[in-house]
Amino acid sequence: MFKLVGLIASRRGQQLVRYEAVRCASSQSFMMNLFSGQLQTTQLFPYPDVLSEDQREYLQAFIDPVNRFFTDVNDSKRNDEASHVDERTMDAMWELGVMGYGTPVEYGGLGLTNVQAARLNDITGGFDLALSIHAGAHQSIGTKGIILYGSVQQKEKYLPQLATGKVFGAFALTEPSVGSDAASVKSRAVLSPCGKYYILNGTKIWCSGGGIADIFTTFAQTEVVDPETGEKRDKMTAFIVERGFGGVSSGTPESKMGLKCSVTTDVYFDDVKVPVENVLGEVGNGFKVAVNILNSGRFGLAAMLSGTMRACIQKAAEHVTTRVQFKRKLKDFENVQEKLARMAMHHYVAQTLTFMVSGNMDKGSTEYHLEAAITKVFGTEAGWYVCDEAIQLLGGNGYMKATGLEQFMRDMRVFRIFEGANDVLRLFIALTGIQFAGQQLKGLQKALKSPFMNMGIILQEGSKRISRSIGSGGTNLEQFVADPLKDSAKLCSQVSNHHRFC
């Protein structure tokens, strides 16, 4: 986006001062632009419709068997009580292709787009959150690093096994003293004197699938030499580690509040010899690998909880339409209607965010990390709100195990903690947006130090502020909405333009 060119003549000894075009950098991200006062609507309007007819048919052909699997084969309560998924259930999941839904077709997976994957997670989350995480941890983070950063050789070696070979993958990042501060991992990998392998030592905790995985994406500090200064320093590097390398062991499965059938253990790396060809990405680039793996999968958590919210709303609706108190059905009480309306609103927004982010990812957007974080925070908190309100509407029945709501609540509690704690993501959202906005204001700040030489920039900024104060200029949302919504769009545009500061 380019601001206008100002051309102002000043007679100071016949000198002509030309004010050149000033570029106001914009981002692909809707939220990044919003922080800098630029309302870019290309990611929002029209609402992403990224599935072709063939993609819809392919997805539907896959969804029907998945629905039958959850109704005819899987038993969520049994999984929860046993803290285990039986062999028959897992075999059925492998046969369906659920364990390789995001792996490209050429490597044996289903090759689902992000939108298709979101739809799949939406369905599975309505039946069994724990089993969804069991599969999701394998595919969304356990395998994702190889899909995103793996070399051709790494993909050819590992992805077919992970998609169809009944080999589990796991993501091992968190350590006893390192949680949200991922860059500070203490695990260490030292290059051998022969230069053919790294010696890896370290402990990882709370590793989903850690007790059954044979292939790990893990992270450790490595010594890196700055090519310019020659200075040596530690930087995090990502590795693909096979249990068969030796020196890899797992702890006792954790006893958890929820997600009980998803095996969570510590993983220990003791003098593990990792071939140099198993470095994932570049040496010293591990933090970027870890962050992008997590960013790319965050919408999946909101998608799962979209399905859970739908199930909670269904149970609540069935109850209030049949339960009679004070000679009236609960559905006829205004406060009950308000609860259901707010539950539906939360679900609608969370689902919309999920498909917007996944749709933009499929369209090739690379700047979606802010939207993904917002979707994760809102989706996980909306899920908790909806489940809690459903339990409240069912009263004592909601507190009983028979309804399944208490299991939903136990299972979803950790969603606000893992794959980026919501408290930390809130800071990330605010600080990232403010940092981007600050970069936009540097040009104006510099111009004010030499006002005469930068009169074009200053006059333009003044013109924009005057336009906003009288309600003209800026973004017009009326063109994107149906006639009944034009008044609301006009008001929204006025408020948005009034608060723009760049």
Protein backbone atom coordinates (compact mmCIF):
# COMPACT_ATOMS: atom_id res chain seq x y z
CA MET A 1 0.00 0.00 0.00
CA PHE A 2 1.44 3.36 -0.99
CA LYS A 3 0.61 6.72 0.51
CA LEU A 4 0.14 9.62 -1.86
CA VAL A 5 3.09 11.46 -3.36
CA GLY A 6 3.33 15.04 -2.23
CA LEU A 7 4.94 17.58 -4.55
CA ILE A 8 5.46 20.94 -2.96
CA ALA A 9 7.42 23.81 -4.45
CA SER A 10 9.28 26.07 -2.09
CA ARG A 11 11.00 29.19 -3.30
CA ARG A 12 14.21 29.25 -1.37
CA GLY A 13 16.64 30.37 -3.98
CA GLN A 14 14.61 28.63 -6.77
CA GLN A 15 14.98 25.25 -5.03
CA LEU A 16 12.24 22.72 -5.70
CA VAL A 17 11.68 20.28 -2.88
CA ARG A 18 10.07 17.03 -3.93
CA TYR A 19 8.44 14.83 -1.36
CA GLU A 20 8.75 11.25 -2.48
CA ALA A 21 6.26 8.44 -2.05
CA VAL A 22 6.28 6.89 1.37
CA ARG A 23 5.53 3.26 1.61
CA CYS A 24 3.25 2.27 4.47
CA ALA A 25 4.08 -1.40 4.84
CA SER A 26 1.14 -3.72 5.09
CA SER A 27 0.90 -7.36 6.04
CA GLN A 28 -1.01 -10.35 4.73
CA SER A 29 -2.45 -10.65 8.23
CA PHE A 30 -5.82 -9.00 8.90
CA MET A 31 -4.98 -8.56 12.58
CA MET A 32 -1.49 -7.14 12.01
CA ASN A 33 -2.98 -4.50 9.73
CA LEU A 34 -5.71 -3.78 12.25
CA PHE A 35 -3.11 -2.94 14.89
CA SER A 36 -1.63 -0.37 12.51
CA GLY A 37 -5.01 1.09 11.67
CA GLN A 38 -5.26 -0.48 8.22
CA LEU A 39 -8.49 -2.37 7.67
CA GLN A 40 -7.59 -4.83 4.91
CA THR A 41 -10.66 -6.85 4.03
CA THR A 42 -9.25 -9.27 1.46
CA GLN A 43 -8.95 -12.07 4.04
CA LEU A 44 -12.50 -11.56 5.28
CA PHE A 45 -14.67 -10.65 2.31
CA PRO A 46 -15.98 -12.65 0.72
CA TYR A 47 -15.84 -15.23 3.49
CA PRO A 48 -13.37 -17.94 2.42
CA ASP A 49 -14.95 -20.60 0.23
CA VAL A 50 -11.90 -22.62 -0.64
CA LEU A 51 -13.31 -26.08 -1.27
CA SER A 52 -14.05 -27.05 -4.83
CA GLU A 53 -16.90 -29.43 -5.60
CA ASP A 54 -14.41 -32.30 -5.92
CA GLN A 55 -12.88 -31.43 -2.54
CA ARG A 56 -16.31 -31.38 -0.92
CA GLU A 57 -17.18 -34.77 -2.38
CA TYR A 58 -13.82 -36.21 -1.28
CA LEU A 59 -14.30 -34.88 2.23
CA GLN A 60 -17.87 -36.15 2.47
CA ALA A 61 -16.81 -39.60 1.30
CA PHE A 62 -14.34 -39.62 4.18
CA ILE A 63 -16.63 -38.08 6.80
CA ASP A 64 -19.41 -40.67 6.53
CA PRO A 65 -17.13 -43.58 7.52
CA VAL A 66 -15.67 -41.46 10.34
CA ASN A 67 -19.16 -40.85 11.73
CA ARG A 68 -19.89 -44.59 11.59
CA PHE A 69 -16.59 -45.32 13.32
CA PHE A 70 -17.49 -43.11 16.28
CA THR A 71 -21.02 -44.50 16.58
CA ASP A 72 -20.28 -48.19 15.91
CA VAL A 73 -16.68 -48.82 16.99
CA ASN A 74 -15.33 -46.22 19.40
CA ASP A 75 -16.45 -46.15 23.03
CA SER A 76 -15.41 -42.85 24.61
CA LYS A 77 -16.35 -43.86 28.16
CA ARG A 78 -14.42 -47.12 27.87
CA ASN A 79 -11.36 -45.25 26.61
CA ASP A 80 -11.64 -42.82 29.52
CA GLU A 81 -12.07 -45.46 32.20
CA ALA A 82 -9.29 -47.67 30.85
CA SER A 83 -6.94 -44.74 30.08
CA HIS A 84 -6.19 -46.66 26.93
CA VAL A 85 -7.34 -47.08 23.33
CA ASP A 86 -7.83 -50.75 22.49
CA GLU A 87 -6.20 -52.38 19.48
CA ARG A 88 -9.47 -52.79 17.56
CA THR A 89 -10.22 -49.07 17.78
CA MET A 90 -6.71 -48.05 16.75
CA ASP A 91 -6.69 -50.49 13.83
CA ALA A 92 -9.93 -48.96 12.59
CA MET A 93 -8.43 -45.46 12.81
CA TRP A 94 -5.38 -46.50 10.79
CA GLU A 95 -7.61 -48.16 8.18
CA LEU A 96 -9.73 -45.01 7.88
CA GLY A 97 -6.64 -42.92 7.25
CA VAL A 98 -7.32 -40.64 10.22
CA MET A 99 -3.73 -41.00 11.39
CA GLY A 100 -2.44 -39.53 8.13
CA TYR A 101 -5.13 -37.01 7.27
CA GLY A 102 -2.72 -34.11 6.69
CA THR A 103 0.12 -36.05 5.09
CA PRO A 104 0.42 -35.52 1.31
CA VAL A 105 -1.07 -38.25 -0.88
CA GLU A 106 2.30 -39.02 -2.47
CA TYR A 107 3.55 -40.17 0.94
CA GLY A 108 0.53 -42.33 1.71
CA GLY A 109 -1.68 -39.81 3.51
CA LEU A 110 -5.10 -38.41 2.71
CA GLY A 111 -3.70 -35.00 1.76
CA LEU A 112 -6.56 -33.06 3.33
CA THR A 113 -6.43 -29.28 3.02
CA ASN A 114 -6.46 -27.24 6.23
CA VAL A 115 -10.18 -26.55 5.81
CA GLN A 116 -10.89 -30.24 5.29
CA ALA A 117 -8.78 -31.06 8.35
CA ALA A 118 -10.70 -28.47 10.37
CA ARG A 119 -13.97 -30.10 9.34
CA LEU A 120 -12.64 -33.52 10.35
CA ASN A 121 -11.51 -32.21 13.74
CA ASP A 122 -14.90 -30.54 14.18
CA ILE A 123 -16.58 -33.93 13.79
CA THR A 124 -14.21 -35.95 15.98
CA GLY A 125 -14.33 -33.32 18.73
CA GLY A 126 -18.08 -33.79 19.01
CA PHE A 127 -17.64 -37.47 19.83
CA ASP A 128 -14.41 -37.95 21.75
CA LEU A 129 -11.91 -35.17 22.53
CA ALA A 130 -9.35 -37.54 24.01
CA LEU A 131 -9.23 -39.75 20.93
CA SER A 132 -9.11 -36.62 18.75
CA ILE A 133 -6.02 -35.45 20.63
CA HIS A 134 -4.55 -38.95 20.47
CA ALA A 135 -4.69 -38.76 16.68
CA GLY A 136 -4.07 -35.02 16.49
CA ALA A 137 -0.87 -35.11 18.54
CA HIS A 138 0.48 -37.70 16.11
CA GLN A 139 -0.52 -35.83 12.96
CA SER A 140 -0.73 -32.14 13.86
CA ILE A 141 2.54 -31.82 15.77
CA GLY A 142 4.21 -35.23 15.74
CA THR A 143 4.36 -35.42 11.94
CA LYS A 144 3.89 -31.77 10.96
CA GLY A 145 7.53 -30.77 11.36
CA ILE A 146 8.64 -33.28 8.73
CA ILE A 147 5.86 -32.10 6.38
CA LEU A 148 6.87 -28.45 6.81
CA TYR A 149 10.66 -28.66 7.08
CA GLY A 150 11.72 -32.16 6.08
CA SER A 151 14.09 -32.73 3.20
CA VAL A 152 12.94 -34.95 0.33
CA GLN A 153 14.94 -37.81 1.82
CA GLN A 154 13.42 -37.29 5.28
CA LYS A 155 9.89 -37.17 3.87
CA GLU A 156 10.40 -40.31 1.80
CA LYS A 157 11.82 -42.17 4.78
CA TYR A 158 9.42 -41.15 7.54
CA LEU A 159 6.08 -39.89 6.21
CA PRO A 160 4.85 -43.20 4.71
CA GLN A 161 5.55 -44.92 8.03
CA LEU A 162 3.74 -42.22 9.99
CA ALA A 163 0.76 -42.13 7.63
CA THR A 164 0.10 -45.82 7.06
CA GLY A 165 2.68 -47.93 8.85
CA LYS A 166 1.15 -47.85 12.33
CA VAL A 167 4.18 -45.95 13.55
CA PHE A 168 3.41 -43.11 15.97
CA GLY A 169 5.09 -39.74 15.96
CA ALA A 170 5.46 -37.38 18.93
CA PHE A 171 6.49 -33.78 19.55
CA ALA A 172 8.96 -33.44 22.43
CA LEU A 173 9.64 -29.83 23.43
CA THR A 174 8.61 -29.09 27.05
CA GLU A 175 11.16 -29.76 29.79
CA PRO A 176 11.04 -29.83 33.61
CA SER A 177 12.24 -26.21 33.85
CA VAL A 178 11.09 -24.97 30.44
CA GLY A 179 7.46 -24.45 29.43
CA SER A 180 6.29 -21.35 27.60
CA ASP A 181 9.88 -20.08 27.28
CA ALA A 182 10.60 -22.66 24.60
CA ALA A 183 13.87 -21.11 23.40
CA SER A 184 15.49 -21.90 26.76
CA VAL A 185 15.49 -25.69 26.47
CA LYS A 186 18.29 -27.36 28.42
CA SER A 187 18.60 -30.51 26.29
CA ARG A 188 21.88 -30.52 24.42
CA ALA A 189 23.20 -32.04 21.20
CA VAL A 190 26.96 -32.09 20.63
CA LEU A 191 28.46 -32.77 17.21
CA SER A 192 30.74 -35.81 17.22
CA PRO A 193 34.44 -35.41 16.31
CA CYS A 194 33.81 -37.26 13.05
CA GLY A 195 30.98 -34.85 12.20
CA LYS A 196 28.60 -37.67 11.27
CA TYR A 197 26.20 -37.51 14.19
CA TYR A 198 25.11 -35.52 17.26
CA ILE A 199 25.15 -36.86 20.81
CA LEU A 200 21.76 -35.90 22.28
CA ASN A 201 21.03 -35.71 26.01
CA GLY A 202 17.99 -34.31 27.77
CA THR A 203 14.62 -34.89 29.37
CA LYS A 204 11.25 -33.94 27.91
CA ILE A 205 8.00 -33.97 29.88
CA TRP A 206 4.27 -34.15 29.11
CA CYS A 207 4.91 -35.64 25.71
CA SER A 208 1.61 -36.69 24.09
CA GLY A 209 2.11 -40.17 22.69
CA GLY A 210 5.55 -40.30 24.26
CA GLY A 211 5.09 -43.83 25.54
CA ILE A 212 4.09 -45.33 22.19
CA ALA A 213 5.92 -43.14 19.65
CA ASP A 214 8.80 -44.50 17.60
CA ILE A 215 9.67 -41.23 15.85
CA PHE A 216 10.15 -37.96 17.73
CA THR A 217 10.48 -34.35 16.66
CA THR A 218 12.59 -32.94 19.46
CA PHE A 219 14.71 -29.89 20.20
CA ALA A 220 18.08 -29.26 21.81
CA GLN A 221 20.74 -26.58 22.13
CA THR A 222 23.63 -26.84 19.67
CA GLU A 223 26.79 -24.81 19.31
CA VAL A 224 26.57 -22.46 16.34
CA VAL A 225 29.35 -20.26 14.95
CA ASP A 226 28.37 -16.79 13.73
CA PRO A 227 29.71 -16.61 10.13
CA GLU A 228 30.41 -12.87 10.43
CA THR A 229 32.01 -12.59 13.86
CA GLY A 230 33.20 -16.13 14.45
CA GLU A 231 31.52 -16.02 17.86
CA LYS A 232 30.24 -19.32 19.26
CA ARG A 233 26.84 -19.43 20.92
CA ASP A 234 24.05 -21.86 21.67
CA LYS A 235 20.98 -21.97 19.44
CA MET A 236 18.11 -24.43 19.42
CA THR A 237 18.05 -27.06 16.68
CA ALA A 238 15.28 -29.49 15.70
CA PHE A 239 15.97 -33.21 15.24
CA ILE A 240 14.13 -36.28 14.01
CA VAL A 241 14.93 -39.01 16.52
CA GLU A 242 14.06 -42.68 16.20
CA ARG A 243 13.51 -44.78 19.28
CA GLY A 244 15.60 -47.41 17.51
CA PHE A 245 18.70 -45.20 17.67
CA GLY A 246 19.14 -46.43 21.25
CA GLY A 247 19.21 -44.36 24.42
CA VAL A 248 15.55 -43.32 24.07
CA SER A 249 13.20 -44.31 26.88
CA SER A 250 9.83 -43.25 28.26
CA GLY A 251 8.52 -42.74 31.76
CA THR A 252 5.35 -44.03 33.38
CA PRO A 253 2.16 -42.67 31.78
CA GLU A 254 0.83 -39.66 33.67
CA SER A 255 -2.42 -39.89 35.63
CA LYS A 256 -4.39 -36.92 34.29
CA MET A 257 -7.62 -35.03 34.88
CA GLY A 258 -8.75 -35.64 31.30
CA LEU A 259 -7.65 -36.86 27.87
CA LYS A 260 -6.92 -40.10 29.66
CA CYS A 261 -6.65 -42.36 26.63
CA SER A 262 -4.01 -40.09 25.12
CA VAL A 263 -0.77 -41.44 26.57
CA THR A 264 1.33 -38.67 28.15
CA THR A 265 4.81 -39.50 29.43
CA ASP A 266 8.29 -38.15 30.02
CA VAL A 267 10.84 -39.00 27.33
CA TYR A 268 14.54 -39.42 28.12
CA PHE A 269 17.40 -39.04 25.66
CA ASP A 270 20.65 -40.52 26.99
CA ASP A 271 23.68 -40.26 24.70
CA VAL A 272 21.48 -40.79 21.66
CA LYS A 273 23.47 -40.84 18.41
CA VAL A 274 21.44 -38.78 15.93
CA PRO A 275 22.79 -38.75 12.33
CA VAL A 276 23.46 -35.26 10.98
CA GLU A 277 21.00 -35.97 8.16
CA ASN A 278 18.28 -36.07 10.84
CA VAL A 279 18.58 -32.36 11.59
CA LEU A 280 15.14 -30.93 10.79
CA GLY A 281 15.47 -27.62 9.00
CA GLU A 282 18.74 -25.78 9.54
CA VAL A 283 21.11 -26.03 12.49
CA GLY A 284 20.24 -23.25 14.94
CA ASN A 285 16.79 -22.76 13.43
CA GLY A 286 14.92 -24.96 15.89
CA PHE A 287 12.92 -22.23 17.57
CA LYS A 288 11.38 -21.22 14.25
CA VAL A 289 10.59 -24.86 13.49
CA ALA A 290 8.87 -25.34 16.86
CA VAL A 291 6.86 -22.12 16.65
CA ASN A 292 5.65 -22.77 13.12
CA ILE A 293 4.63 -26.33 13.94
CA LEU A 294 2.51 -24.99 16.81
CA ASN A 295 1.16 -22.06 14.77
CA SER A 296 0.07 -24.34 11.94
CA GLY A 297 -1.91 -26.60 14.26
CA ARG A 298 -3.61 -24.16 16.62
CA PHE A 299 -6.74 -23.82 14.52
CA GLY A 300 -7.22 -27.58 14.97
CA LEU A 301 -7.82 -27.17 18.71
CA ALA A 302 -10.58 -24.64 18.09
CA ALA A 303 -12.01 -26.94 15.41
CA MET A 304 -12.19 -29.85 17.85
CA LEU A 305 -13.91 -27.69 20.44
CA SER A 306 -16.34 -26.44 17.81
CA GLY A 307 -17.59 -30.01 17.60
CA THR A 308 -17.63 -30.32 21.38
CA MET A 309 -19.64 -27.11 21.71
CA ARG A 310 -22.15 -28.39 19.18
CA ALA A 311 -22.56 -31.60 21.19
CA CYS A 312 -23.00 -29.62 24.43
CA ILE A 313 -25.62 -27.36 22.84
CA GLN A 314 -27.47 -30.40 21.51
CA LYS A 315 -27.59 -32.03 24.94
CA ALA A 316 -28.74 -28.77 26.54
CA ALA A 317 -31.41 -28.19 23.89
CA GLU A 318 -32.79 -31.72 24.29
CA HIS A 319 -33.00 -31.24 28.05
CA VAL A 320 -34.71 -27.84 28.11
CA THR A 321 -37.30 -28.90 25.52
CA THR A 322 -38.42 -31.88 27.62
CA ARG A 323 -37.81 -30.86 31.24
CA VAL A 324 -40.82 -29.30 32.99
CA GLN A 325 -40.54 -27.12 36.11
CA PHE A 326 -43.15 -24.80 37.59
CA LYS A 327 -45.60 -26.22 35.01
CA ARG A 328 -43.52 -24.87 32.14
CA LYS A 329 -40.85 -26.35 29.93
CA LEU A 330 -37.42 -24.92 30.66
CA LYS A 331 -37.17 -23.64 27.09
CA ASP A 332 -39.94 -21.14 27.82
CA PHE A 333 -37.96 -19.33 30.53
CA GLU A 334 -36.22 -16.18 29.30
CA ASN A 335 -32.97 -16.78 31.18
CA VAL A 336 -32.72 -20.26 29.66
CA GLN A 337 -33.25 -18.80 26.19
CA GLU A 338 -30.51 -16.25 26.85
CA LYS A 339 -28.07 -18.98 27.91
CA LEU A 340 -28.74 -21.00 24.77
CA ALA A 341 -28.41 -17.91 22.58
CA ARG A 342 -25.02 -17.02 24.09
CA MET A 343 -23.84 -20.60 23.78
CA ALA A 344 -24.78 -20.58 20.10
CA MET A 345 -23.03 -17.23 19.59
CA HIS A 346 -19.79 -18.52 21.10
CA HIS A 347 -19.91 -21.63 18.95
CA TYR A 348 -20.66 -19.68 15.79
CA VAL A 349 -17.77 -17.25 16.28
CA ALA A 350 -15.28 -19.99 17.19
CA GLN A 351 -16.25 -22.09 14.18
CA THR A 352 -16.13 -19.05 11.88
CA LEU A 353 -12.64 -18.12 13.09
CA THR A 354 -11.47 -21.69 12.55
CA PHE A 355 -12.60 -21.84 8.95
CA MET A 356 -11.40 -18.31 8.21
CA VAL A 357 -7.86 -19.07 9.41
CA SER A 358 -7.66 -22.50 7.79
CA GLY A 359 -9.13 -21.08 4.57
CA ASN A 360 -6.54 -18.32 4.41
CA MET A 361 -3.77 -20.83 5.07
CA ASP A 362 -5.02 -22.87 2.12
CA LYS A 363 -5.01 -19.75 -0.03
CA GLY A 364 -1.28 -19.39 0.61
CA SER A 365 -1.16 -16.84 3.42
CA THR A 366 2.06 -17.12 5.40
CA GLU A 367 1.21 -14.47 8.00
CA TYR A 368 -1.51 -16.18 9.99
CA HIS A 369 0.22 -16.59 13.36
CA LEU A 370 -1.72 -13.77 15.02
CA GLU A 371 -5.08 -15.04 13.76
CA ALA A 372 -4.16 -18.59 14.77
CA ALA A 373 -3.34 -17.45 18.32
CA ILE A 374 -6.60 -15.49 18.59
CA THR A 375 -8.56 -18.48 17.30
CA LYS A 376 -6.92 -20.77 19.83
CA VAL A 377 -7.56 -18.42 22.75
CA PHE A 378 -11.17 -17.64 21.85
CA GLY A 379 -12.03 -21.18 20.77
CA THR A 380 -10.72 -22.83 23.93
CA GLU A 381 -12.36 -20.31 26.25
CA ALA A 382 -15.62 -20.44 24.29
CA GLY A 383 -15.58 -24.22 24.60
CA TRP A 384 -15.23 -24.02 28.37
CA TYR A 385 -18.02 -21.44 28.60
CA VAL A 386 -20.44 -23.49 26.49
CA CYS A 387 -19.74 -26.74 28.35
CA ASP A 388 -20.12 -25.04 31.73
CA GLU A 389 -23.44 -23.48 30.70
CA ALA A 390 -24.69 -26.81 29.36
CA ILE A 391 -23.95 -28.44 32.72
CA GLN A 392 -25.76 -25.58 34.45
CA LEU A 393 -28.84 -26.03 32.25
CA LEU A 394 -28.94 -29.76 32.93
CA GLY A 395 -28.57 -29.14 36.66
CA GLY A 396 -27.82 -32.26 38.67
CA ASN A 397 -28.04 -34.40 35.55
CA GLY A 398 -25.21 -32.40 34.01
CA TYR A 399 -22.99 -33.27 36.96
CA MET A 400 -23.52 -37.00 36.42
CA LYS A 401 -21.19 -39.03 34.21
CA ALA A 402 -24.07 -40.46 32.19
CA THR A 403 -24.55 -37.26 30.17
CA GLY A 404 -20.90 -37.14 29.06
CA LEU A 405 -20.63 -33.43 29.86
CA GLU A 406 -18.30 -33.91 32.81
CA GLN A 407 -15.92 -35.86 30.57
CA PHE A 408 -16.03 -33.08 28.00
CA MET A 409 -15.16 -30.61 30.76
CA ARG A 410 -12.27 -32.67 32.09
CA ASP A 411 -10.92 -33.28 28.61
CA MET A 412 -11.10 -29.66 27.46
CA ARG A 413 -9.54 -28.04 30.53
CA VAL A 414 -5.99 -28.52 29.25
CA PHE A 415 -6.84 -26.87 25.92
CA ARG A 416 -6.21 -23.49 27.56
CA ILE A 417 -2.75 -24.68 28.59
CA PHE A 418 -1.10 -26.74 25.88
CA GLU A 419 0.08 -25.63 22.43
CA GLY A 420 0.60 -22.17 23.89
CA ALA A 421 -0.91 -21.20 27.24
CA ASN A 422 -3.68 -18.66 26.73
CA ASP A 423 -2.04 -16.22 29.15
CA VAL A 424 1.16 -16.24 27.09
CA LEU A 425 -0.72 -16.09 23.79
CA ARG A 426 -2.53 -12.97 24.99
CA LEU A 427 0.83 -11.30 25.51
CA PHE A 428 2.00 -12.58 22.13
CA ILE A 429 -1.08 -11.16 20.39
CA ALA A 430 -0.75 -7.74 22.00
CA LEU A 431 3.02 -7.38 21.73
CA THR A 432 3.22 -8.62 18.13
CA GLY A 433 0.48 -6.24 17.04
CA ILE A 434 1.96 -3.28 18.89
CA GLN A 435 5.42 -3.99 17.48
CA PHE A 436 4.02 -3.97 13.94
CA ALA A 437 2.10 -0.75 14.61
CA GLY A 438 5.23 0.88 16.04
CA GLN A 439 7.13 0.16 12.85
CA GLN A 440 4.41 1.95 10.90
CA LEU A 441 4.70 5.06 13.06
CA LYS A 442 8.48 5.36 12.72
CA GLY A 443 8.14 7.16 9.40
CA LEU A 444 5.88 9.85 10.85
CA GLN A 445 8.08 10.22 13.92
CA LYS A 446 11.13 10.77 11.73
CA ALA A 447 9.24 13.25 9.56
CA LEU A 448 8.29 15.39 12.55
CA LYS A 449 11.97 15.87 13.40
CA SER A 450 12.47 17.67 10.06
CA PRO A 451 9.00 19.06 9.34
CA PHE A 452 9.92 21.30 6.40
CA MET A 453 11.76 18.60 4.49
CA ASN A 454 8.90 16.15 5.14
CA MET A 455 5.91 18.41 4.70
CA GLY A 456 4.22 15.95 2.32
CA ILE A 457 4.09 13.21 4.94
CA ILE A 458 2.85 15.57 7.64
CA LEU A 459 0.17 17.14 5.44
CA GLN A 460 -1.04 13.74 4.37
CA GLU A 461 -1.33 12.51 7.96
CA GLY A 462 -3.19 15.69 8.90
CA SER A 463 -5.52 15.21 5.95
CA LYS A 464 -6.28 11.65 7.04
CA ARG A 465 -7.08 12.72 10.58
CA ILE A 466 -9.38 15.50 9.39
CA SER A 467 -11.16 13.06 7.08
CA ARG A 468 -11.70 10.63 9.93
CA SER A 469 -12.98 13.33 12.25
CA ILE A 470 -15.73 14.30 9.78
CA GLY A 471 -16.53 10.70 8.88
CA SER A 472 -15.18 10.59 5.34
CA GLY A 473 -12.52 8.41 3.74
CA GLY A 474 -11.25 5.14 5.09
CA THR A 475 -12.74 1.71 4.67
CA ASN A 476 -16.30 1.19 3.51
CA LEU A 477 -17.80 -2.16 4.53
CA GLU A 478 -21.21 -1.49 2.99
CA GLN A 479 -20.10 -2.94 -0.34
CA PHE A 480 -19.58 -6.36 1.23
CA VAL A 481 -22.92 -6.93 2.96
CA ALA A 482 -26.54 -7.54 2.04
CA ASP A 483 -28.95 -4.58 1.98
CA PRO A 484 -30.50 -5.24 5.44
CA LEU A 485 -27.01 -4.97 6.98
CA LYS A 486 -25.81 -1.82 5.23
CA ASP A 487 -26.69 0.51 8.12
CA SER A 488 -24.76 -1.70 10.53
CA ALA A 489 -21.83 -1.89 8.10
CA LYS A 490 -21.81 1.89 7.78
CA LEU A 491 -21.69 2.32 11.56
CA CYS A 492 -18.94 -0.31 11.85
CA SER A 493 -16.94 1.47 9.14
CA GLN A 494 -17.26 4.82 10.91
CA VAL A 495 -16.10 3.40 14.23
CA SER A 496 -13.22 1.53 12.59
CA ASN A 497 -12.03 4.55 10.63
CA HIS A 498 -12.30 6.79 13.68
CA HIS A 499 -9.90 4.57 15.61
CA ARG A 500 -7.32 4.21 12.86
CA PHE A 501 -4.02 5.81 13.75
CA CYS A 502 -1.84 5.09 10.74
